[in-house]
Amino acid sequence: MAKANTNAQSVSPEVVAEAMKIARGTQQPGQTKEQTKLIAKGIEKGIAEYKKQQKAKARAADKARKQARRAKARDAEEAEEVVMEGAGPASSGRVAWALLVLSWAGFAAYLLLS
């Protein structure tokens, strides 16, 4: 019986009222109040199950959205890393050429002065 109480507490009063309204709308002639209440309880359970499914779908969609965002950030970070690695050899190549030119200029100056 404790389980029935927790279900009743987890269903909002609006859902209970809506379930009773639907149950009364589908009421058959000769149907007792107890039968109508049982139908309303079934409708409440259906609504609660539907809400649980929708929450699960929303969580899954949110999780997928977060994973996509993380993957996008990771790809951007890797692209930055590749650009930085590419910049290293280019600048060291310039340094090498500058040292080559300076060494030739120094060699030419040595030949002219001696």
N, C-alpha and C. Protein backbone atom coordinates (compact mmCIF):
# COMPACT_ATOMS: atom_id res chain seq x y z
N MET A 1 0.80 -1.20 0.00
CA MET A 1 0.00 0.00 0.00
C MET A 1 0.85 1.26 0.00
N ALA A 2 2.06 1.18 0.51
CA ALA A 2 2.92 2.36 0.55
C ALA A 2 3.26 2.82 -0.86
N LYS A 3 3.36 1.86 -1.77
CA LYS A 3 3.69 2.21 -3.15
C LYS A 3 2.57 3.03 -3.79
N ALA A 4 1.32 2.70 -3.48
CA ALA A 4 0.18 3.45 -4.01
C ALA A 4 0.22 4.89 -3.50
N ASN A 5 0.64 5.08 -2.25
CA ASN A 5 0.72 6.43 -1.70
C ASN A 5 1.80 7.25 -2.40
N THR A 6 2.94 6.63 -2.73
CA THR A 6 4.00 7.37 -3.40
C THR A 6 3.57 7.76 -4.80
N ASN A 7 2.82 6.88 -5.49
CA ASN A 7 2.33 7.22 -6.82
C ASN A 7 1.33 8.37 -6.74
N ALA A 8 0.47 8.34 -5.73
CA ALA A 8 -0.52 9.39 -5.59
C ALA A 8 0.17 10.72 -5.31
N GLN A 9 1.26 10.69 -4.57
CA GLN A 9 1.97 11.91 -4.26
C GLN A 9 2.75 12.43 -5.46
N SER A 10 3.20 11.53 -6.34
CA SER A 10 4.00 11.97 -7.47
C SER A 10 3.15 12.53 -8.59
N VAL A 11 1.82 12.29 -8.55
CA VAL A 11 0.91 12.81 -9.58
C VAL A 11 0.34 14.12 -9.08
N SER A 12 0.39 15.12 -9.94
CA SER A 12 -0.08 16.44 -9.52
C SER A 12 -1.60 16.49 -9.48
N PRO A 13 -2.15 17.42 -8.72
CA PRO A 13 -3.62 17.54 -8.64
C PRO A 13 -4.25 17.85 -10.00
N GLU A 14 -3.51 18.57 -10.85
CA GLU A 14 -4.03 18.89 -12.18
C GLU A 14 -4.22 17.61 -13.00
N VAL A 15 -3.26 16.69 -12.88
CA VAL A 15 -3.33 15.42 -13.60
C VAL A 15 -4.51 14.60 -13.08
N VAL A 16 -4.71 14.59 -11.77
CA VAL A 16 -5.82 13.85 -11.17
C VAL A 16 -7.14 14.41 -11.69
N ALA A 17 -7.27 15.74 -11.70
CA ALA A 17 -8.50 16.37 -12.17
C ALA A 17 -8.73 16.07 -13.65
N GLU A 18 -7.66 16.13 -14.44
CA GLU A 18 -7.79 15.86 -15.87
C GLU A 18 -8.17 14.40 -16.12
N ALA A 19 -7.57 13.49 -15.35
CA ALA A 19 -7.89 12.07 -15.49
C ALA A 19 -9.35 11.81 -15.14
N MET A 20 -9.84 12.44 -14.08
CA MET A 20 -11.23 12.26 -13.68
C MET A 20 -12.17 12.83 -14.75
N LYS A 21 -11.78 13.95 -15.33
CA LYS A 21 -12.60 14.57 -16.38
C LYS A 21 -12.69 13.63 -17.60
N ILE A 22 -11.55 13.04 -17.98
CA ILE A 22 -11.53 12.11 -19.12
C ILE A 22 -12.35 10.86 -18.79
N ALA A 23 -12.20 10.36 -17.56
CA ALA A 23 -12.94 9.16 -17.15
C ALA A 23 -14.45 9.43 -17.17
N ARG A 24 -14.86 10.58 -16.71
CA ARG A 24 -16.29 10.92 -16.74
C ARG A 24 -16.78 11.11 -18.17
N GLY A 25 -15.91 11.60 -19.02
CA GLY A 25 -16.29 11.80 -20.42
C GLY A 25 -16.48 10.49 -21.16
N THR A 26 -15.79 9.46 -20.75
CA THR A 26 -15.90 8.16 -21.42
C THR A 26 -16.79 7.19 -20.63
N GLN A 27 -17.49 7.72 -19.63
CA GLN A 27 -18.31 6.88 -18.76
C GLN A 27 -19.46 6.25 -19.55
N GLN A 28 -19.67 4.97 -19.32
CA GLN A 28 -20.75 4.22 -19.97
C GLN A 28 -22.00 4.25 -19.09
N PRO A 29 -23.14 4.11 -19.70
CA PRO A 29 -24.38 4.05 -18.89
C PRO A 29 -24.36 2.83 -17.96
N GLY A 30 -24.72 3.03 -16.73
CA GLY A 30 -24.75 1.95 -15.76
C GLY A 30 -23.41 1.73 -15.08
N GLN A 31 -22.43 2.54 -15.36
CA GLN A 31 -21.10 2.39 -14.75
C GLN A 31 -21.13 3.01 -13.36
N THR A 32 -20.56 2.32 -12.38
CA THR A 32 -20.57 2.83 -11.00
C THR A 32 -19.46 3.86 -10.80
N LYS A 33 -19.57 4.57 -9.69
CA LYS A 33 -18.55 5.57 -9.35
C LYS A 33 -17.20 4.90 -9.12
N GLU A 34 -17.22 3.72 -8.53
CA GLU A 34 -15.98 2.98 -8.27
C GLU A 34 -15.28 2.61 -9.58
N GLN A 35 -16.05 2.19 -10.54
CA GLN A 35 -15.48 1.86 -11.84
C GLN A 35 -14.89 3.10 -12.50
N THR A 36 -15.57 4.21 -12.38
CA THR A 36 -15.07 5.47 -12.95
C THR A 36 -13.76 5.87 -12.27
N LYS A 37 -13.71 5.69 -10.94
CA LYS A 37 -12.49 6.01 -10.21
C LYS A 37 -11.33 5.12 -10.65
N LEU A 38 -11.62 3.83 -10.88
CA LEU A 38 -10.57 2.91 -11.34
C LEU A 38 -10.07 3.32 -12.72
N ILE A 39 -10.97 3.73 -13.58
CA ILE A 39 -10.57 4.19 -14.91
C ILE A 39 -9.71 5.45 -14.79
N ALA A 40 -10.11 6.35 -13.88
CA ALA A 40 -9.34 7.58 -13.66
C ALA A 40 -7.94 7.25 -13.15
N LYS A 41 -7.83 6.24 -12.27
CA LYS A 41 -6.51 5.83 -11.77
C LYS A 41 -5.65 5.30 -12.92
N GLY A 42 -6.25 4.52 -13.80
CA GLY A 42 -5.52 4.00 -14.96
C GLY A 42 -5.04 5.13 -15.86
N ILE A 43 -5.89 6.12 -16.05
CA ILE A 43 -5.51 7.28 -16.88
C ILE A 43 -4.38 8.03 -16.21
N GLU A 44 -4.45 8.19 -14.89
CA GLU A 44 -3.36 8.86 -14.15
C GLU A 44 -2.04 8.13 -14.36
N LYS A 45 -2.09 6.81 -14.26
CA LYS A 45 -0.87 6.02 -14.44
C LYS A 45 -0.33 6.19 -15.86
N GLY A 46 -1.23 6.23 -16.83
CA GLY A 46 -0.82 6.43 -18.22
C GLY A 46 -0.16 7.78 -18.42
N ILE A 47 -0.75 8.81 -17.83
CA ILE A 47 -0.18 10.15 -17.93
C ILE A 47 1.19 10.20 -17.25
N ALA A 48 1.30 9.57 -16.06
CA ALA A 48 2.58 9.55 -15.35
C ALA A 48 3.63 8.82 -16.17
N GLU A 49 3.26 7.70 -16.78
CA GLU A 49 4.21 6.94 -17.61
C GLU A 49 4.65 7.77 -18.81
N TYR A 50 3.70 8.46 -19.43
CA TYR A 50 4.02 9.32 -20.57
C TYR A 50 5.01 10.41 -20.17
N LYS A 51 4.76 11.02 -19.02
CA LYS A 51 5.66 12.08 -18.55
C LYS A 51 7.06 11.52 -18.28
N LYS A 52 7.13 10.31 -17.71
CA LYS A 52 8.44 9.68 -17.47
C LYS A 52 9.18 9.46 -18.78
N GLN A 53 8.45 8.98 -19.79
CA GLN A 53 9.07 8.76 -21.10
C GLN A 53 9.57 10.06 -21.70
N GLN A 54 8.78 11.11 -21.57
CA GLN A 54 9.19 12.40 -22.13
C GLN A 54 10.42 12.95 -21.41
N LYS A 55 10.47 12.76 -20.09
CA LYS A 55 11.65 13.20 -19.33
C LYS A 55 12.89 12.42 -19.76
N ALA A 56 12.71 11.11 -19.98
CA ALA A 56 13.84 10.29 -20.42
C ALA A 56 14.32 10.73 -21.80
N LYS A 57 13.39 11.03 -22.69
CA LYS A 57 13.77 11.51 -24.02
C LYS A 57 14.48 12.84 -23.93
N ALA A 58 14.00 13.72 -23.06
CA ALA A 58 14.64 15.03 -22.89
C ALA A 58 16.05 14.86 -22.34
N ARG A 59 16.23 13.95 -21.37
CA ARG A 59 17.57 13.70 -20.83
C ARG A 59 18.50 13.16 -21.90
N ALA A 60 17.99 12.22 -22.70
CA ALA A 60 18.82 11.64 -23.77
C ALA A 60 19.20 12.71 -24.80
N ALA A 61 18.25 13.56 -25.15
CA ALA A 61 18.54 14.62 -26.12
C ALA A 61 19.55 15.60 -25.53
N ASP A 62 19.40 15.93 -24.25
CA ASP A 62 20.34 16.84 -23.61
C ASP A 62 21.73 16.23 -23.55
N LYS A 63 21.79 14.95 -23.25
CA LYS A 63 23.08 14.26 -23.20
C LYS A 63 23.74 14.25 -24.57
N ALA A 64 22.97 13.98 -25.61
CA ALA A 64 23.51 13.98 -26.97
C ALA A 64 23.99 15.37 -27.36
N ARG A 65 23.22 16.40 -26.97
CA ARG A 65 23.61 17.77 -27.28
C ARG A 65 24.92 18.14 -26.58
N LYS A 66 25.05 17.71 -25.32
CA LYS A 66 26.29 17.98 -24.58
C LYS A 66 27.47 17.25 -25.19
N GLN A 67 27.26 15.99 -25.60
CA GLN A 67 28.35 15.24 -26.21
C GLN A 67 28.77 15.89 -27.52
N ALA A 68 27.80 16.37 -28.30
CA ALA A 68 28.14 17.02 -29.56
C ALA A 68 28.92 18.31 -29.30
N ARG A 69 28.52 19.05 -28.27
CA ARG A 69 29.22 20.28 -27.92
C ARG A 69 30.65 19.98 -27.49
N ARG A 70 30.81 18.90 -26.68
CA ARG A 70 32.16 18.52 -26.23
C ARG A 70 33.02 18.08 -27.41
N ALA A 71 32.43 17.32 -28.32
CA ALA A 71 33.18 16.86 -29.50
C ALA A 71 33.60 18.05 -30.36
N LYS A 72 32.71 19.00 -30.50
CA LYS A 72 33.01 20.19 -31.30
C LYS A 72 34.15 20.99 -30.65
N ALA A 73 34.09 21.13 -29.32
CA ALA A 73 35.14 21.85 -28.61
C ALA A 73 36.46 21.09 -28.71
N ARG A 74 36.40 19.76 -28.62
CA ARG A 74 37.60 18.95 -28.73
C ARG A 74 38.21 19.10 -30.13
N ASP A 75 37.38 19.09 -31.17
CA ASP A 75 37.87 19.25 -32.53
C ASP A 75 38.51 20.62 -32.72
N ALA A 76 37.88 21.65 -32.16
CA ALA A 76 38.43 23.00 -32.27
C ALA A 76 39.78 23.09 -31.55
N GLU A 77 39.87 22.43 -30.40
CA GLU A 77 41.12 22.42 -29.65
C GLU A 77 42.22 21.71 -30.43
N GLU A 78 41.86 20.59 -31.05
CA GLU A 78 42.85 19.86 -31.84
C GLU A 78 43.28 20.68 -33.06
N ALA A 79 42.35 21.40 -33.66
CA ALA A 79 42.69 22.24 -34.81
C ALA A 79 43.64 23.36 -34.37
N GLU A 80 43.39 23.94 -33.20
CA GLU A 80 44.29 24.97 -32.67
C GLU A 80 45.67 24.40 -32.44
N GLU A 81 45.70 23.18 -31.90
CA GLU A 81 46.96 22.52 -31.62
C GLU A 81 47.74 22.28 -32.91
N VAL A 82 47.05 21.86 -33.95
CA VAL A 82 47.70 21.62 -35.24
C VAL A 82 48.23 22.93 -35.81
N VAL A 83 47.45 23.99 -35.68
CA VAL A 83 47.91 25.30 -36.18
C VAL A 83 49.15 25.74 -35.42
N MET A 84 49.15 25.56 -34.11
CA MET A 84 50.31 25.96 -33.31
C MET A 84 51.53 25.11 -33.67
N GLU A 85 51.33 23.82 -33.89
CA GLU A 85 52.45 22.97 -34.27
C GLU A 85 52.97 23.37 -35.64
N GLY A 86 52.09 23.76 -36.53
CA GLY A 86 52.49 24.19 -37.87
C GLY A 86 53.25 25.50 -37.82
N ALA A 87 52.94 26.36 -36.87
CA ALA A 87 53.62 27.64 -36.76
C ALA A 87 55.05 27.47 -36.27
N GLY A 88 55.30 26.46 -35.48
CA GLY A 88 56.64 26.22 -34.93
C GLY A 88 57.67 25.99 -36.02
N PRO A 89 57.50 25.04 -36.92
CA PRO A 89 58.49 24.80 -37.96
C PRO A 89 58.64 25.98 -38.93
N ALA A 90 57.58 26.72 -39.20
CA ALA A 90 57.67 27.86 -40.10
C ALA A 90 58.56 28.95 -39.50
N SER A 91 58.40 29.22 -38.23
CA SER A 91 59.22 30.25 -37.60
C SER A 91 60.66 29.76 -37.45
N SER A 92 60.86 28.49 -37.18
CA SER A 92 62.22 27.98 -37.07
C SER A 92 62.89 27.95 -38.44
N GLY A 93 62.11 27.78 -39.52
CA GLY A 93 62.65 27.85 -40.88
C GLY A 93 63.14 29.25 -41.20
N ARG A 94 62.42 30.24 -40.75
CA ARG A 94 62.84 31.64 -40.96
C ARG A 94 64.14 31.93 -40.21
N VAL A 95 64.20 31.39 -39.00
CA VAL A 95 65.42 31.58 -38.20
C VAL A 95 66.60 30.93 -38.91
N ALA A 96 66.38 29.75 -39.45
CA ALA A 96 67.47 29.05 -40.15
C ALA A 96 67.95 29.85 -41.36
N TRP A 97 67.03 30.38 -42.14
CA TRP A 97 67.41 31.19 -43.29
C TRP A 97 68.14 32.45 -42.87
N ALA A 98 67.66 33.08 -41.78
CA ALA A 98 68.33 34.29 -41.30
C ALA A 98 69.76 33.96 -40.86
N LEU A 99 69.97 32.84 -40.19
CA LEU A 99 71.32 32.45 -39.78
C LEU A 99 72.20 32.13 -40.98
N LEU A 100 71.64 31.53 -42.02
CA LEU A 100 72.41 31.24 -43.22
C LEU A 100 72.87 32.54 -43.89
N VAL A 101 71.95 33.51 -43.99
CA VAL A 101 72.30 34.79 -44.61
C VAL A 101 73.37 35.49 -43.78
N LEU A 102 73.22 35.48 -42.46
CA LEU A 102 74.22 36.12 -41.60
C LEU A 102 75.58 35.43 -41.71
N SER A 103 75.57 34.12 -41.80
CA SER A 103 76.86 33.43 -41.91
C SER A 103 77.55 33.75 -43.23
N TRP A 104 76.81 33.81 -44.33
CA TRP A 104 77.39 34.17 -45.62
C TRP A 104 77.90 35.62 -45.62
N ALA A 105 77.13 36.50 -44.97
CA ALA A 105 77.57 37.89 -44.89
C ALA A 105 78.86 37.98 -44.06
N GLY A 106 78.91 37.21 -42.97
CA GLY A 106 80.13 37.19 -42.15
C GLY A 106 81.30 36.61 -42.93
N PHE A 107 81.09 35.58 -43.72
CA PHE A 107 82.15 34.98 -44.52
C PHE A 107 82.65 35.96 -45.58
N ALA A 108 81.69 36.68 -46.22
CA ALA A 108 82.07 37.69 -47.23
C ALA A 108 82.86 38.82 -46.58
N ALA A 109 82.45 39.25 -45.41
CA ALA A 109 83.15 40.31 -44.70
C ALA A 109 84.55 39.84 -44.30
N TYR A 110 84.71 38.62 -43.91
CA TYR A 110 86.02 38.07 -43.54
C TYR A 110 86.96 38.04 -44.76
N LEU A 111 86.43 37.63 -45.92
CA LEU A 111 87.24 37.60 -47.13
C LEU A 111 87.66 39.01 -47.57
N LEU A 112 86.74 39.95 -47.45
CA LEU A 112 87.07 41.32 -47.87
C LEU A 112 88.04 42.00 -46.93
N LEU A 113 87.99 41.70 -45.65
CA LEU A 113 88.86 42.35 -44.69
C LEU A 113 90.24 41.69 -44.62
N SER A 114 90.37 40.48 -45.05
CA SER A 114 91.67 39.85 -44.92
C SER A 114 92.51 39.98 -46.14
